[in-house]
Amino acid sequence: MNKAAQWITIALCSLGFAGNVHCTEEPTQAGVFSGENALQHISQQVNYGPRIIDHPAKQQTLNYIQRLLQPSADKFVLQPFQRYGLSGTNIWASFYPANSTGAAQKRIMLGAHWDTRPIADRDSNPVNSKLPISGANDGGSGVAVLLEIARLLSANPAPIIVDLVFFDLEDMGDIDKLPFSIGASEFVANNRFYRPDAGVIVDMVCDKDLTIPREAYSRKGAPKLQDKIWRIAAEQKAEVFADLDGAFVNDDHLPFLQAGLKVVDLIHSPFPESWHTSNDSIERCSPKSLQQVGNVLVELIYTET
């Protein structure tokens, strides 16, 4: 079995997806992003439970990401941190071009947060509002897109270095006066010499009615990169990318922009009704939405030189 086949077999069969896919079928074609595969990665995360502090699902999800990435990545690092009395872990996997040591190469970062919000504070039901969300869209979808892209990078290296970074503690904002994007801020502070040529944050991208406008901080801080992404989307007729000026969104791209790095946020805006509620479930996710986002990112990283 080749590397790509091993990767997708591990992802979809041995980790509990046998009830959702036919594990005897040939693996998804290497080099082609699969929205269905990404949806299965969301399913696995949701099946573990909320990825919150002190919940078993958090360690299970970390183990899941590590099992998928560490064997195929050229570099894999866990970066634990302590901030505001909280413990978190950022996950960093790098994929190098063929016959490359990783030195003096152009590189792009794709990032997503892998934690989920510990309270559904926007839920209309007072009982639900005190419970954690399942985070199918908010957290799970970005992770899923990156994991599916990792499968492609494992089989067919891109012409540049691609860093997949999973940030912890993004969704603690406005809880006990905590900020958002704690993990991303720690990553930037603790990796001061990390200067990717470009970066994209992927957040809340699986909704059946997905709309991704041009997020305002990205438009101001990384306009050329944003233009390139939207140009690719237009060429692909990726309708979830709306050629509209969006709002300013507080997300994991901000610490990078503040450090002078060109990072664009891909996020559903205005936020869907399920945001920070108990309705953030996999039933609201669409493989077609995931497919469009994945296709655009794949073209971005494979056409960079």
Protein backbone atom coordinates (compact mmCIF):
# COMPACT_ATOMS: atom_id res chain seq x y z
CA MET A 1 0.00 0.00 0.00
CA ASN A 2 1.44 3.40 -0.97
CA LYS A 3 1.76 6.39 1.35
CA ALA A 4 -1.47 8.06 0.27
CA ALA A 5 -3.44 4.84 0.61
CA GLN A 6 -2.05 4.21 4.08
CA TRP A 7 -2.92 7.76 5.14
CA ILE A 8 -6.54 7.69 4.04
CA THR A 9 -7.04 4.15 5.34
CA ILE A 10 -5.87 5.26 8.77
CA ALA A 11 -8.05 8.35 8.60
CA LEU A 12 -11.30 6.76 7.51
CA CYS A 13 -11.18 3.16 8.68
CA SER A 14 -9.02 2.43 11.68
CA LEU A 15 -10.17 5.47 13.64
CA GLY A 16 -13.85 4.69 13.77
CA PHE A 17 -15.36 5.65 10.41
CA ALA A 18 -16.20 2.14 9.25
CA GLY A 19 -19.87 2.86 9.76
CA ASN A 20 -19.77 5.90 7.52
CA VAL A 21 -17.54 4.82 4.63
CA HIS A 22 -16.73 1.63 2.75
CA CYS A 23 -13.27 0.81 3.98
CA THR A 24 -12.70 -1.76 1.26
CA GLU A 25 -12.96 0.83 -1.51
CA GLU A 26 -9.92 2.36 -3.16
CA PRO A 27 -8.71 5.47 -1.31
CA THR A 28 -9.54 8.91 -2.59
CA GLN A 29 -7.39 9.88 -5.57
CA ALA A 30 -4.16 11.49 -4.47
CA GLY A 31 -3.94 15.13 -5.48
CA VAL A 32 -7.68 15.71 -5.38
CA PHE A 33 -9.27 17.36 -2.35
CA SER A 34 -12.32 15.51 -1.04
CA GLY A 35 -15.07 17.37 0.78
CA GLU A 36 -16.47 14.01 1.86
CA ASN A 37 -13.17 13.10 3.52
CA ALA A 38 -13.16 16.46 5.29
CA LEU A 39 -16.71 15.86 6.50
CA GLN A 40 -15.58 12.55 8.01
CA HIS A 41 -12.84 14.37 9.91
CA ILE A 42 -15.51 16.67 11.35
CA SER A 43 -17.57 13.62 12.29
CA GLN A 44 -14.69 12.10 14.21
CA GLN A 45 -14.03 15.27 16.17
CA VAL A 46 -17.70 15.64 17.07
CA ASN A 47 -17.89 11.97 18.06
CA TYR A 48 -15.08 12.49 20.56
CA GLY A 49 -16.99 15.34 22.18
CA PRO A 50 -16.23 19.00 23.01
CA ARG A 51 -12.55 19.88 22.66
CA ILE A 52 -12.41 21.84 25.89
CA ILE A 53 -10.06 21.94 28.88
CA ASP A 54 -10.23 18.85 31.12
CA HIS A 55 -12.53 16.92 28.77
CA PRO A 56 -11.26 13.54 27.47
CA ALA A 57 -12.24 14.59 23.94
CA LYS A 58 -9.49 17.16 23.87
CA GLN A 59 -6.69 14.65 24.35
CA GLN A 60 -8.43 12.22 21.98
CA THR A 61 -8.57 14.90 19.30
CA LEU A 62 -4.93 15.84 19.81
CA ASN A 63 -4.01 12.15 19.52
CA TYR A 64 -6.08 11.89 16.35
CA ILE A 65 -4.38 14.84 14.69
CA GLN A 66 -0.98 13.58 15.76
CA ARG A 67 -1.60 10.03 14.47
CA LEU A 68 -2.56 11.41 11.08
CA LEU A 69 0.16 14.02 10.69
CA GLN A 70 3.28 12.86 12.48
CA PRO A 71 4.09 9.84 10.24
CA SER A 72 3.84 11.85 7.00
CA ALA A 73 5.01 15.35 7.98
CA ASP A 74 8.63 16.34 7.47
CA LYS A 75 8.49 18.12 10.81
CA PHE A 76 5.96 17.70 13.60
CA VAL A 77 6.00 19.69 16.83
CA LEU A 78 3.68 19.99 19.81
CA GLN A 79 4.02 23.34 21.56
CA PRO A 80 2.41 23.34 25.02
CA PHE A 81 1.90 26.73 26.65
CA GLN A 82 0.47 28.33 29.77
CA ARG A 83 -1.47 31.58 29.61
CA TYR A 84 -4.06 33.23 31.86
CA GLY A 85 -3.84 30.21 34.15
CA LEU A 86 -4.87 27.92 31.30
CA SER A 87 -2.96 25.10 29.63
CA GLY A 88 -3.03 24.74 25.85
CA THR A 89 -1.17 23.01 23.05
CA ASN A 90 -0.49 24.28 19.55
CA ILE A 91 0.21 21.66 16.87
CA TRP A 92 2.61 22.37 14.00
CA ALA A 93 3.23 20.07 11.02
CA SER A 94 5.47 21.07 8.11
CA PHE A 95 5.54 19.51 4.64
CA TYR A 96 8.58 20.26 2.47
CA PRO A 97 8.97 20.15 -1.31
CA ALA A 98 10.51 17.00 -2.77
CA ASN A 99 14.27 16.76 -2.20
CA SER A 100 14.21 19.73 0.15
CA THR A 101 15.67 20.21 3.61
CA GLY A 102 13.27 23.05 4.35
CA ALA A 103 15.92 25.75 4.18
CA ALA A 104 15.63 28.91 2.05
CA GLN A 105 12.28 27.92 0.58
CA LYS A 106 9.12 29.93 0.12
CA ARG A 107 6.53 28.86 2.67
CA ILE A 108 2.86 29.30 3.41
CA MET A 109 0.97 28.68 6.63
CA LEU A 110 -2.52 27.23 6.82
CA GLY A 111 -4.03 27.57 10.28
CA ALA A 112 -7.16 26.56 12.17
CA HIS A 113 -8.19 26.39 15.81
CA TRP A 114 -8.84 22.93 17.19
CA ASP A 115 -10.55 23.83 20.45
CA THR A 116 -14.27 24.45 20.90
CA ARG A 117 -16.22 26.94 22.97
CA PRO A 118 -16.95 25.66 26.52
CA ILE A 119 -20.35 27.37 26.71
CA ALA A 120 -23.14 27.82 24.16
CA ASP A 121 -23.67 31.36 25.38
CA ARG A 122 -25.73 32.44 22.37
CA ASP A 123 -28.20 29.58 22.69
CA SER A 124 -31.82 30.61 23.22
CA ASN A 125 -32.30 27.78 25.72
CA PRO A 126 -30.90 28.81 29.14
CA VAL A 127 -30.07 25.19 29.96
CA ASN A 128 -28.05 24.71 26.75
CA SER A 129 -26.30 28.05 27.16
CA LYS A 130 -24.21 26.67 30.00
CA LEU A 131 -23.10 23.58 28.07
CA PRO A 132 -20.19 23.27 25.62
CA ILE A 133 -20.86 23.32 21.87
CA SER A 134 -20.05 20.34 19.68
CA GLY A 135 -18.08 22.61 17.35
CA ALA A 136 -18.73 20.88 14.05
CA ASN A 137 -18.38 24.16 12.18
CA ASP A 138 -16.61 26.38 14.72
CA GLY A 139 -13.36 24.53 15.13
CA GLY A 140 -14.06 21.19 13.49
CA SER A 141 -14.37 22.41 9.90
CA GLY A 142 -11.04 24.24 9.77
CA VAL A 143 -9.23 21.26 11.28
CA ALA A 144 -10.91 18.97 8.77
CA VAL A 145 -9.82 21.02 5.77
CA LEU A 146 -6.22 21.06 6.98
CA LEU A 147 -6.20 17.31 7.63
CA GLU A 148 -7.48 16.58 4.14
CA ILE A 149 -4.85 18.90 2.65
CA ALA A 150 -2.23 17.02 4.67
CA ARG A 151 -3.23 13.84 2.87
CA LEU A 152 -2.53 15.51 -0.47
CA LEU A 153 0.80 16.93 0.71
CA SER A 154 1.84 13.50 1.93
CA ALA A 155 1.25 11.96 -1.48
CA ASN A 156 2.32 14.90 -3.65
CA PRO A 157 4.60 17.53 -2.09
CA ALA A 158 3.82 21.13 -2.99
CA PRO A 159 6.51 23.31 -4.65
CA ILE A 160 6.81 25.29 -1.40
CA ILE A 161 6.95 24.52 2.31
CA VAL A 162 3.46 24.21 3.74
CA ASP A 163 2.98 24.60 7.50
CA LEU A 164 -0.25 23.31 8.99
CA VAL A 165 -0.77 24.92 12.40
CA PHE A 166 -3.59 24.05 14.78
CA PHE A 167 -4.17 26.68 17.48
CA ASP A 168 -5.56 25.96 20.91
CA LEU A 169 -7.70 28.20 23.14
CA GLU A 170 -9.07 30.37 20.35
CA ASP A 171 -12.63 30.21 21.59
CA MET A 172 -12.24 31.34 25.21
CA GLY A 173 -12.92 34.96 24.29
CA ASP A 174 -15.34 36.97 26.44
CA ILE A 175 -15.43 34.22 29.06
CA ASP A 176 -14.17 35.47 32.44
CA LYS A 177 -12.72 38.47 30.57
CA LEU A 178 -10.40 36.28 28.51
CA PRO A 179 -9.42 37.29 24.95
CA PHE A 180 -9.92 35.31 21.78
CA SER A 181 -7.01 33.70 19.88
CA ILE A 182 -4.89 32.86 22.92
CA GLY A 183 -3.11 30.00 21.14
CA ALA A 184 -2.38 32.02 18.01
CA SER A 185 -1.00 34.87 20.11
CA GLU A 186 1.25 32.44 21.96
CA PHE A 187 2.41 30.90 18.70
CA VAL A 188 3.45 34.27 17.30
CA ALA A 189 5.15 35.29 20.56
CA ASN A 190 7.04 32.02 20.96
CA ASN A 191 8.12 31.65 17.31
CA ARG A 192 9.45 35.14 16.61
CA PHE A 193 11.71 33.99 13.78
CA TYR A 194 8.89 32.22 11.94
CA ARG A 195 8.14 34.42 8.94
CA PRO A 196 6.01 32.63 6.33
CA ASP A 197 5.54 34.40 3.02
CA ALA A 198 1.78 34.05 3.33
CA GLY A 199 -0.82 32.55 5.60
CA VAL A 200 -4.50 31.61 5.60
CA ILE A 201 -6.72 30.95 8.62
CA VAL A 202 -9.62 28.57 7.96
CA ASP A 203 -12.54 28.93 10.37
CA MET A 204 -16.24 28.02 10.15
CA VAL A 205 -16.29 26.81 6.53
CA CYS A 206 -18.70 23.86 6.41
CA ASP A 207 -22.14 25.46 6.66
CA LYS A 208 -24.66 24.48 3.97
CA ASP A 209 -25.29 28.19 3.41
CA LEU A 210 -21.63 29.18 3.61
CA THR A 211 -20.68 32.72 2.61
CA ILE A 212 -17.08 33.93 2.88
CA PRO A 213 -16.73 37.66 2.17
CA ARG A 214 -13.43 39.57 2.10
CA GLU A 215 -12.76 39.91 5.83
CA ALA A 216 -11.81 43.51 6.64
CA TYR A 217 -8.61 43.08 8.67
CA SER A 218 -7.31 40.78 5.92
CA ARG A 219 -8.34 43.27 3.27
CA LYS A 220 -6.36 45.97 5.06
CA GLY A 221 -3.31 43.91 6.09
CA ALA A 222 -2.89 41.39 3.26
CA PRO A 223 -4.74 42.78 0.21
CA LYS A 224 -2.61 41.13 -2.49
CA LEU A 225 -2.95 37.69 -0.93
CA GLN A 226 -6.68 38.18 -0.47
CA ASP A 227 -7.01 39.27 -4.10
CA LYS A 228 -5.15 36.15 -5.22
CA ILE A 229 -7.41 33.86 -3.23
CA TRP A 230 -10.55 35.50 -4.58
CA ARG A 231 -9.16 35.37 -8.11
CA ILE A 232 -8.64 31.62 -7.77
CA ALA A 233 -12.15 31.27 -6.34
CA ALA A 234 -13.63 33.21 -9.27
CA GLU A 235 -11.77 31.06 -11.78
CA GLN A 236 -13.06 27.93 -10.06
CA LYS A 237 -16.58 29.37 -9.75
CA ALA A 238 -16.38 28.73 -6.01
CA GLU A 239 -19.61 30.47 -5.09
CA VAL A 240 -19.05 30.36 -1.33
CA PHE A 241 -16.41 33.07 -1.81
CA ALA A 242 -18.46 36.26 -2.04
CA ASP A 243 -16.71 39.17 -3.72
CA LEU A 244 -18.01 41.51 -1.05
CA ASP A 245 -16.33 43.60 1.63
CA GLY A 246 -16.90 41.82 4.92
CA ALA A 247 -16.75 42.99 8.51
CA PHE A 248 -13.75 43.16 10.82
CA VAL A 249 -13.54 39.75 12.53
CA ASN A 250 -11.51 38.98 15.64
CA ASP A 251 -9.83 35.70 14.71
CA ASP A 252 -6.49 33.89 14.68
CA HIS A 253 -5.10 35.97 11.83
CA LEU A 254 -4.89 39.12 13.96
CA PRO A 255 -1.74 38.21 15.96
CA PHE A 256 0.02 37.51 12.66
CA LEU A 257 -1.12 40.73 11.03
CA GLN A 258 -0.02 42.65 14.10
CA ALA A 259 3.42 41.04 13.72
CA GLY A 260 3.62 42.26 10.13
CA LEU A 261 2.80 38.93 8.46
CA LYS A 262 0.43 38.62 5.50
CA VAL A 263 -2.35 36.35 6.71
CA VAL A 264 -5.93 36.19 5.39
CA ASP A 265 -8.95 34.94 7.32
CA LEU A 266 -11.47 32.69 5.57
CA ILE A 267 -14.56 32.74 7.77
CA HIS A 268 -18.33 32.60 7.39
CA SER A 269 -19.68 36.11 7.86
CA PRO A 270 -22.09 37.31 9.08
CA PHE A 271 -21.82 34.39 11.48
CA PRO A 272 -24.44 31.66 11.03
CA GLU A 273 -27.33 31.34 13.48
CA SER A 274 -25.71 28.20 14.90
CA TRP A 275 -22.63 30.14 16.04
CA HIS A 276 -21.89 29.54 19.74
CA THR A 277 -25.09 27.54 20.17
CA SER A 278 -26.00 23.89 20.65
CA ASN A 279 -27.03 23.86 16.97
CA ASP A 280 -23.42 23.90 15.74
CA SER A 281 -23.82 20.30 14.61
CA ILE A 282 -22.60 18.17 11.73
CA GLU A 283 -26.11 18.11 10.25
CA ARG A 284 -25.54 21.71 9.20
CA CYS A 285 -22.26 20.89 7.44
CA SER A 286 -21.94 20.41 3.70
CA PRO A 287 -19.20 18.51 1.86
CA LYS A 288 -19.84 20.85 -1.08
CA SER A 289 -18.87 23.88 1.00
CA LEU A 290 -15.77 22.08 2.26
CA GLN A 291 -14.95 21.04 -1.30
CA GLN A 292 -14.97 24.61 -2.61
CA VAL A 293 -12.78 25.90 0.20
CA GLY A 294 -10.39 22.99 -0.13
CA ASN A 295 -10.10 23.34 -3.90
CA VAL A 296 -9.16 27.01 -3.63
CA LEU A 297 -6.52 26.35 -0.98
CA VAL A 298 -5.05 23.44 -2.92
CA GLU A 299 -4.61 25.59 -6.00
CA LEU A 300 -3.10 28.35 -3.88
CA ILE A 301 -0.39 26.14 -2.38
CA TYR A 302 0.34 24.04 -5.47
CA THR A 303 0.72 27.00 -7.81
CA GLU A 304 2.99 29.03 -5.51
CA THR A 305 6.64 29.10 -6.55
